[in-house]
């Protein structure tokens, strides 16, 4: 995600949810080679979730490791769910050359409750723009 703010809207374009994130750019030096690195704890992403906009209902925090994993926390900081995405080692962070990516959503007790699919927009759209399309499915 490269934007600082993401809005979720209903079919009437009413904003239902807003996710805010501060821009982070993090590089590591491994074997005399500089690489983009999100596996370091200092490079983790964090996002503030508001619904309705202006009312903070929780946060999303990226965890350390080689997988795209996130903890979803309520406003008091308690984990209520987690998101598990593809591995960095399998080029999970690159979208310009690979098909759609699926991030599974699990409740805190480990039950799968949904998914977020990042739709592949085509080679040139992925390479030349910041436009992304996501499909969110929840089963509560």
C-alpha atoms as a PDB file:
ATOM      1  CA  UNK A   1       0.000   0.000   0.000  1.00  0.00           C
ATOM      2  CA  UNK A   2       1.605   3.256  -1.043  1.00  0.00           C
ATOM      3  CA  UNK A   3      -1.093   5.770  -0.157  1.00  0.00           C
ATOM      4  CA  UNK A   4      -1.431   7.474   3.183  1.00  0.00           C
ATOM      5  CA  UNK A   5      -5.249   7.218   3.292  1.00  0.00           C
ATOM      6  CA  UNK A   6      -7.668   4.548   2.015  1.00  0.00           C
ATOM      7  CA  UNK A   7     -11.441   5.028   2.010  1.00  0.00           C
ATOM      8  CA  UNK A   8     -14.066   2.282   1.985  1.00  0.00           C
ATOM      9  CA  UNK A   9     -17.356   3.319   0.399  1.00  0.00           C
ATOM     10  CA  UNK A  10     -20.755   1.733  -0.085  1.00  0.00           C
ATOM     11  CA  UNK A  11     -22.582   1.550  -3.427  1.00  0.00           C
ATOM     12  CA  UNK A  12     -23.865   5.119  -2.900  1.00  0.00           C
ATOM     13  CA  UNK A  13     -20.254   6.330  -2.430  1.00  0.00           C
ATOM     14  CA  UNK A  14     -20.849   7.102   1.257  1.00  0.00           C
ATOM     15  CA  UNK A  15     -17.577   6.748   3.153  1.00  0.00           C
ATOM     16  CA  UNK A  16     -17.942   3.940   5.714  1.00  0.00           C
ATOM     17  CA  UNK A  17     -14.367   3.401   6.833  1.00  0.00           C
ATOM     18  CA  UNK A  18     -11.041   5.209   6.576  1.00  0.00           C
ATOM     19  CA  UNK A  19      -7.599   3.668   7.050  1.00  0.00           C
ATOM     20  CA  UNK A  20      -4.655   6.023   7.571  1.00  0.00           C
ATOM     21  CA  UNK A  21      -1.000   5.073   7.343  1.00  0.00           C
ATOM     22  CA  UNK A  22       2.202   7.063   7.574  1.00  0.00           C
ATOM     23  CA  UNK A  23       4.574   6.632   4.627  1.00  0.00           C
ATOM     24  CA  UNK A  24       7.571   4.441   5.432  1.00  0.00           C
ATOM     25  CA  UNK A  25      10.571   3.716   3.281  1.00  0.00           C
ATOM     26  CA  UNK A  26      12.939   1.187   4.770  1.00  0.00           C
ATOM     27  CA  UNK A  27      16.065  -0.408   3.372  1.00  0.00           C
ATOM     28  CA  UNK A  28      18.476  -2.953   4.831  1.00  0.00           C
ATOM     29  CA  UNK A  29      22.056  -3.779   3.928  1.00  0.00           C
ATOM     30  CA  UNK A  30      22.480  -7.544   3.440  1.00  0.00           C
ATOM     31  CA  UNK A  31      25.643  -9.085   1.965  1.00  0.00           C
ATOM     32  CA  UNK A  32      26.791  -5.673   0.683  1.00  0.00           C
ATOM     33  CA  UNK A  33      23.515  -5.271  -1.200  1.00  0.00           C
ATOM     34  CA  UNK A  34      20.788  -2.760  -0.325  1.00  0.00           C
ATOM     35  CA  UNK A  35      17.279  -4.272  -0.408  1.00  0.00           C
ATOM     36  CA  UNK A  36      13.792  -3.161   0.478  1.00  0.00           C
ATOM     37  CA  UNK A  37      13.146  -4.888   3.775  1.00  0.00           C
ATOM     38  CA  UNK A  38       9.911  -5.246   5.725  1.00  0.00           C
ATOM     39  CA  UNK A  39      11.125  -8.258   7.682  1.00  0.00           C
ATOM     40  CA  UNK A  40      12.955  -5.925  10.111  1.00  0.00           C
ATOM     41  CA  UNK A  41      10.930  -4.836  13.110  1.00  0.00           C
ATOM     42  CA  UNK A  42      11.898  -1.204  12.488  1.00  0.00           C
ATOM     43  CA  UNK A  43      10.173  -1.300   9.073  1.00  0.00           C
ATOM     44  CA  UNK A  44       6.776  -2.598  10.165  1.00  0.00           C
ATOM     45  CA  UNK A  45       3.687  -0.799   8.912  1.00  0.00           C
ATOM     46  CA  UNK A  46       0.946   0.469  11.200  1.00  0.00           C
ATOM     47  CA  UNK A  47      -2.444   1.885  10.258  1.00  0.00           C
ATOM     48  CA  UNK A  48      -5.199   3.709  12.115  1.00  0.00           C
ATOM     49  CA  UNK A  49      -8.778   2.598  11.336  1.00  0.00           C
ATOM     50  CA  UNK A  50     -11.703   5.037  11.645  1.00  0.00           C
ATOM     51  CA  UNK A  51     -15.425   4.386  11.249  1.00  0.00           C
ATOM     52  CA  UNK A  52     -17.184   6.665  10.751  1.00  0.00           C
ATOM     53  CA  UNK A  53     -14.286   8.872   9.635  1.00  0.00           C
ATOM     54  CA  UNK A  54     -12.909  10.735  12.649  1.00  0.00           C
ATOM     55  CA  UNK A  55     -13.853   7.995  15.153  1.00  0.00           C
ATOM     56  CA  UNK A  56     -10.893   5.661  15.733  1.00  0.00           C
ATOM     57  CA  UNK A  57     -12.092   2.066  16.176  1.00  0.00           C
ATOM     58  CA  UNK A  58      -8.745   0.287  16.035  1.00  0.00           C
ATOM     59  CA  UNK A  59      -5.332  -0.227  14.505  1.00  0.00           C
ATOM     60  CA  UNK A  60      -3.588  -2.656  12.180  1.00  0.00           C
ATOM     61  CA  UNK A  61       0.041  -3.556  12.906  1.00  0.00           C
ATOM     62  CA  UNK A  62       2.419  -5.502  10.670  1.00  0.00           C
ATOM     63  CA  UNK A  63       4.344  -8.238  12.475  1.00  0.00           C
ATOM     64  CA  UNK A  64       8.026  -9.105  11.972  1.00  0.00           C
ATOM     65  CA  UNK A  65       8.973 -11.954   9.672  1.00  0.00           C
ATOM     66  CA  UNK A  66       9.161 -13.115   6.074  1.00  0.00           C
ATOM     67  CA  UNK A  67       5.375 -13.287   5.589  1.00  0.00           C
ATOM     68  CA  UNK A  68       2.987 -10.390   5.130  1.00  0.00           C
ATOM     69  CA  UNK A  69       1.188 -10.697   8.499  1.00  0.00           C
ATOM     70  CA  UNK A  70      -0.855  -8.116  10.339  1.00  0.00           C
ATOM     71  CA  UNK A  71      -2.606  -7.949  13.714  1.00  0.00           C
ATOM     72  CA  UNK A  72      -5.986  -6.208  13.797  1.00  0.00           C
ATOM     73  CA  UNK A  73      -6.521  -4.553  17.185  1.00  0.00           C
ATOM     74  CA  UNK A  74      -9.510  -2.834  18.753  1.00  0.00           C
ATOM     75  CA  UNK A  75      -9.377   0.733  20.074  1.00  0.00           C
ATOM     76  CA  UNK A  76      -7.976  -0.466  23.431  1.00  0.00           C
ATOM     77  CA  UNK A  77      -5.117  -2.357  21.727  1.00  0.00           C
ATOM     78  CA  UNK A  78      -6.410  -5.934  22.117  1.00  0.00           C
ATOM     79  CA  UNK A  79      -5.908  -8.228  19.111  1.00  0.00           C
ATOM     80  CA  UNK A  80      -9.235  -9.275  17.600  1.00  0.00           C
ATOM     81  CA  UNK A  81      -8.063 -10.782  14.296  1.00  0.00           C
ATOM     82  CA  UNK A  82      -5.037 -11.319  12.096  1.00  0.00           C
ATOM     83  CA  UNK A  83      -4.307 -11.153   8.375  1.00  0.00           C
ATOM     84  CA  UNK A  84      -1.881 -13.582   6.708  1.00  0.00           C
ATOM     85  CA  UNK A  85      -0.594 -12.824   3.226  1.00  0.00           C
ATOM     86  CA  UNK A  86       2.022 -14.204   0.854  1.00  0.00           C
ATOM     87  CA  UNK A  87       5.686 -14.633   1.739  1.00  0.00           C
ATOM     88  CA  UNK A  88       8.267 -11.962   0.916  1.00  0.00           C
ATOM     89  CA  UNK A  89      10.564 -14.821  -0.101  1.00  0.00           C
ATOM     90  CA  UNK A  90       8.079 -15.844  -2.799  1.00  0.00           C
ATOM     91  CA  UNK A  91       8.028 -12.259  -4.136  1.00  0.00           C
ATOM     92  CA  UNK A  92       4.881 -11.494  -2.163  1.00  0.00           C
ATOM     93  CA  UNK A  93       5.821  -7.822  -2.054  1.00  0.00           C
ATOM     94  CA  UNK A  94       6.069  -7.459  -5.857  1.00  0.00           C
ATOM     95  CA  UNK A  95       2.816  -7.052  -7.770  1.00  0.00           C
ATOM     96  CA  UNK A  96       3.906  -5.977 -11.243  1.00  0.00           C
ATOM     97  CA  UNK A  97       4.752  -9.474 -12.512  1.00  0.00           C
ATOM     98  CA  UNK A  98       2.465 -11.729 -10.519  1.00  0.00           C
ATOM     99  CA  UNK A  99      -1.263 -12.478 -10.472  1.00  0.00           C
ATOM    100  CA  UNK A 100      -3.712 -11.518  -7.754  1.00  0.00           C
ATOM    101  CA  UNK A 101      -2.679 -11.991  -4.131  1.00  0.00           C
ATOM    102  CA  UNK A 102      -4.885 -13.410  -1.387  1.00  0.00           C
ATOM    103  CA  UNK A 103      -4.618 -12.335   2.246  1.00  0.00           C
ATOM    104  CA  UNK A 104      -6.632 -14.574   4.601  1.00  0.00           C
ATOM    105  CA  UNK A 105      -8.346 -13.078   7.663  1.00  0.00           C
ATOM    106  CA  UNK A 106      -8.503 -15.152  10.854  1.00  0.00           C
ATOM    107  CA  UNK A 107     -10.316 -14.510  14.123  1.00  0.00           C
ATOM    108  CA  UNK A 108      -8.163 -14.375  17.250  1.00  0.00           C
ATOM    109  CA  UNK A 109      -9.025 -18.051  17.916  1.00  0.00           C
ATOM    110  CA  UNK A 110      -7.720 -19.136  14.473  1.00  0.00           C
ATOM    111  CA  UNK A 111     -10.976 -19.535  12.520  1.00  0.00           C
ATOM    112  CA  UNK A 112     -10.837 -18.208   8.948  1.00  0.00           C
ATOM    113  CA  UNK A 113     -13.400 -15.392   8.722  1.00  0.00           C
ATOM    114  CA  UNK A 114     -12.631 -13.799   5.372  1.00  0.00           C
ATOM    115  CA  UNK A 115     -10.127 -12.717   2.785  1.00  0.00           C
ATOM    116  CA  UNK A 116      -8.714  -9.677   1.042  1.00  0.00           C
ATOM    117  CA  UNK A 117      -7.724 -10.190  -2.591  1.00  0.00           C
ATOM    118  CA  UNK A 118      -5.476  -7.692  -4.315  1.00  0.00           C
ATOM    119  CA  UNK A 119      -6.622  -7.876  -7.932  1.00  0.00           C
ATOM    120  CA  UNK A 120      -3.911  -7.882 -10.608  1.00  0.00           C
ATOM    121  CA  UNK A 121      -4.501  -4.849 -12.813  1.00  0.00           C
ATOM    122  CA  UNK A 122      -2.217  -5.821 -15.675  1.00  0.00           C
ATOM    123  CA  UNK A 123       1.515  -5.378 -16.133  1.00  0.00           C
ATOM    124  CA  UNK A 124       1.554  -1.714 -17.184  1.00  0.00           C
ATOM    125  CA  UNK A 125      -1.065  -0.526 -14.688  1.00  0.00           C
ATOM    126  CA  UNK A 126       0.825  -2.248 -11.858  1.00  0.00           C
ATOM    127  CA  UNK A 127       4.183  -0.925 -13.014  1.00  0.00           C
ATOM    128  CA  UNK A 128       3.234   2.656 -13.877  1.00  0.00           C
ATOM    129  CA  UNK A 129       0.469   3.637 -11.435  1.00  0.00           C
ATOM    130  CA  UNK A 130      -0.411   3.498  -7.743  1.00  0.00           C
ATOM    131  CA  UNK A 131      -3.970   2.368  -8.540  1.00  0.00           C
ATOM    132  CA  UNK A 132      -4.964  -0.837  -6.739  1.00  0.00           C
ATOM    133  CA  UNK A 133      -8.229  -2.757  -6.549  1.00  0.00           C
ATOM    134  CA  UNK A 134      -9.047  -4.969  -3.558  1.00  0.00           C
ATOM    135  CA  UNK A 135     -11.952  -7.357  -2.997  1.00  0.00           C
ATOM    136  CA  UNK A 136     -12.869  -7.872   0.666  1.00  0.00           C
ATOM    137  CA  UNK A 137     -14.986 -10.837   1.759  1.00  0.00           C
ATOM    138  CA  UNK A 138     -16.011 -11.347   5.398  1.00  0.00           C
ATOM    139  CA  UNK A 139     -17.881 -14.238   7.013  1.00  0.00           C
ATOM    140  CA  UNK A 140     -18.911 -13.398  10.575  1.00  0.00           C
END
